[in-house]
Amino acid sequence: MAKALLGHIGGTDPRMLAEVRRLQQRVRDLEDQLGRAKAENDALAAAVHSDSFDRELLAAVEQREPALT
């Protein structure tokens, strides 16, 4: 009865298996991308708190033109 409710008659559907594999690979790719983004974010956060970045930011702010009013 459970098989009939799920529309599953016979063996496993190769298309469904291929889709599951594709989705599993996509999840792995996204997890890798998230790891790289977190590492980059940590590096940027560390740079924000460094003195050299503060001096560079202050110099950039002082050099920019005033906004049009």
C-alpha atoms as a PDB file:
ATOM      1  CA  MET A   1       0.000   0.000   0.000  1.00  0.00           C
ATOM      2  CA  ALA A   2       2.805   2.428   0.864  1.00  0.00           C
ATOM      3  CA  LYS A   3       4.406   1.896  -2.530  1.00  0.00           C
ATOM      4  CA  ALA A   4       1.137   2.651  -4.265  1.00  0.00           C
ATOM      5  CA  LEU A   5       0.688   5.843  -2.237  1.00  0.00           C
ATOM      6  CA  LEU A   6       4.130   7.044  -3.229  1.00  0.00           C
ATOM      7  CA  GLY A   7       3.615   6.107  -6.858  1.00  0.00           C
ATOM      8  CA  HIS A   8       6.509   3.704  -6.576  1.00  0.00           C
ATOM      9  CA  ILE A   9       5.887   0.499  -8.495  1.00  0.00           C
ATOM     10  CA  GLY A  10       8.819  -1.690  -9.338  1.00  0.00           C
ATOM     11  CA  GLY A  11      12.481  -0.763  -8.863  1.00  0.00           C
ATOM     12  CA  THR A  12      14.054   2.598  -8.242  1.00  0.00           C
ATOM     13  CA  ASP A  13      13.570   5.246 -10.913  1.00  0.00           C
ATOM     14  CA  PRO A  14      16.937   6.062 -12.554  1.00  0.00           C
ATOM     15  CA  ARG A  15      15.827   9.655 -13.164  1.00  0.00           C
ATOM     16  CA  MET A  16      15.115  10.115  -9.465  1.00  0.00           C
ATOM     17  CA  LEU A  17      18.485   8.635  -8.534  1.00  0.00           C
ATOM     18  CA  ALA A  18      20.226  10.957 -10.982  1.00  0.00           C
ATOM     19  CA  GLU A  19      18.342  13.936  -9.537  1.00  0.00           C
ATOM     20  CA  VAL A  20      19.269  12.936  -5.978  1.00  0.00           C
ATOM     21  CA  ARG A  21      22.934  12.639  -6.978  1.00  0.00           C
ATOM     22  CA  ARG A  22      22.802  16.016  -8.717  1.00  0.00           C
ATOM     23  CA  LEU A  23      21.229  17.642  -5.664  1.00  0.00           C
ATOM     24  CA  GLN A  24      23.776  16.040  -3.327  1.00  0.00           C
ATOM     25  CA  GLN A  25      26.588  17.435  -5.484  1.00  0.00           C
ATOM     26  CA  ARG A  26      24.928  20.854  -5.481  1.00  0.00           C
ATOM     27  CA  VAL A  27      24.733  20.781  -1.673  1.00  0.00           C
ATOM     28  CA  ARG A  28      28.441  19.888  -1.469  1.00  0.00           C
ATOM     29  CA  ASP A  29      29.300  22.717  -3.887  1.00  0.00           C
ATOM     30  CA  LEU A  30      27.260  25.216  -1.866  1.00  0.00           C
ATOM     31  CA  GLU A  31      28.851  24.054   1.391  1.00  0.00           C
ATOM     32  CA  ASP A  32      32.304  24.584  -0.167  1.00  0.00           C
ATOM     33  CA  GLN A  33      31.284  28.026  -1.392  1.00  0.00           C
ATOM     34  CA  LEU A  34      29.968  28.901   2.063  1.00  0.00           C
ATOM     35  CA  GLY A  35      33.262  27.827   3.616  1.00  0.00           C
ATOM     36  CA  ARG A  36      35.209  30.043   1.226  1.00  0.00           C
ATOM     37  CA  ALA A  37      32.876  32.982   1.868  1.00  0.00           C
ATOM     38  CA  LYS A  38      33.229  32.574   5.637  1.00  0.00           C
ATOM     39  CA  ALA A  39      37.020  32.465   5.330  1.00  0.00           C
ATOM     40  CA  GLU A  40      37.007  35.597   3.182  1.00  0.00           C
ATOM     41  CA  ASN A  41      34.664  37.316   5.632  1.00  0.00           C
ATOM     42  CA  ASP A  42      36.934  36.424   8.546  1.00  0.00           C
ATOM     43  CA  ALA A  43      39.937  37.833   6.680  1.00  0.00           C
ATOM     44  CA  LEU A  44      38.067  41.048   5.908  1.00  0.00           C
ATOM     45  CA  ALA A  45      36.883  41.359   9.502  1.00  0.00           C
ATOM     46  CA  ALA A  46      40.460  40.936  10.712  1.00  0.00           C
ATOM     47  CA  ALA A  47      41.620  43.599   8.255  1.00  0.00           C
ATOM     48  CA  VAL A  48      38.977  46.026   9.505  1.00  0.00           C
ATOM     49  CA  HIS A  49      40.346  45.747  13.000  1.00  0.00           C
ATOM     50  CA  SER A  50      43.960  46.286  11.980  1.00  0.00           C
ATOM     51  CA  ASP A  51      45.634  49.669  12.271  1.00  0.00           C
ATOM     52  CA  SER A  52      46.788  49.744   8.665  1.00  0.00           C
ATOM     53  CA  PHE A  53      43.260  49.374   7.390  1.00  0.00           C
ATOM     54  CA  ASP A  54      42.047  52.161   9.687  1.00  0.00           C
ATOM     55  CA  ARG A  55      44.683  54.538   8.317  1.00  0.00           C
ATOM     56  CA  GLU A  56      43.881  53.599   4.715  1.00  0.00           C
ATOM     57  CA  LEU A  57      40.158  54.066   5.314  1.00  0.00           C
ATOM     58  CA  LEU A  58      40.693  57.446   6.953  1.00  0.00           C
ATOM     59  CA  ALA A  59      42.849  58.587   4.022  1.00  0.00           C
ATOM     60  CA  ALA A  60      40.223  57.420   1.522  1.00  0.00           C
ATOM     61  CA  VAL A  61      37.462  59.250   3.385  1.00  0.00           C
ATOM     62  CA  GLU A  62      39.492  62.453   3.500  1.00  0.00           C
ATOM     63  CA  GLN A  63      40.173  62.297  -0.250  1.00  0.00           C
ATOM     64  CA  ARG A  64      36.614  61.758  -1.462  1.00  0.00           C
ATOM     65  CA  GLU A  65      34.578  64.575  -2.889  1.00  0.00           C
ATOM     66  CA  PRO A  66      31.600  66.004  -1.042  1.00  0.00           C
ATOM     67  CA  ALA A  67      28.151  64.823  -2.053  1.00  0.00           C
ATOM     68  CA  LEU A  68      26.067  67.025  -4.289  1.00  0.00           C
ATOM     69  CA  THR A  69      23.290  68.832  -2.480  1.00  0.00           C
END
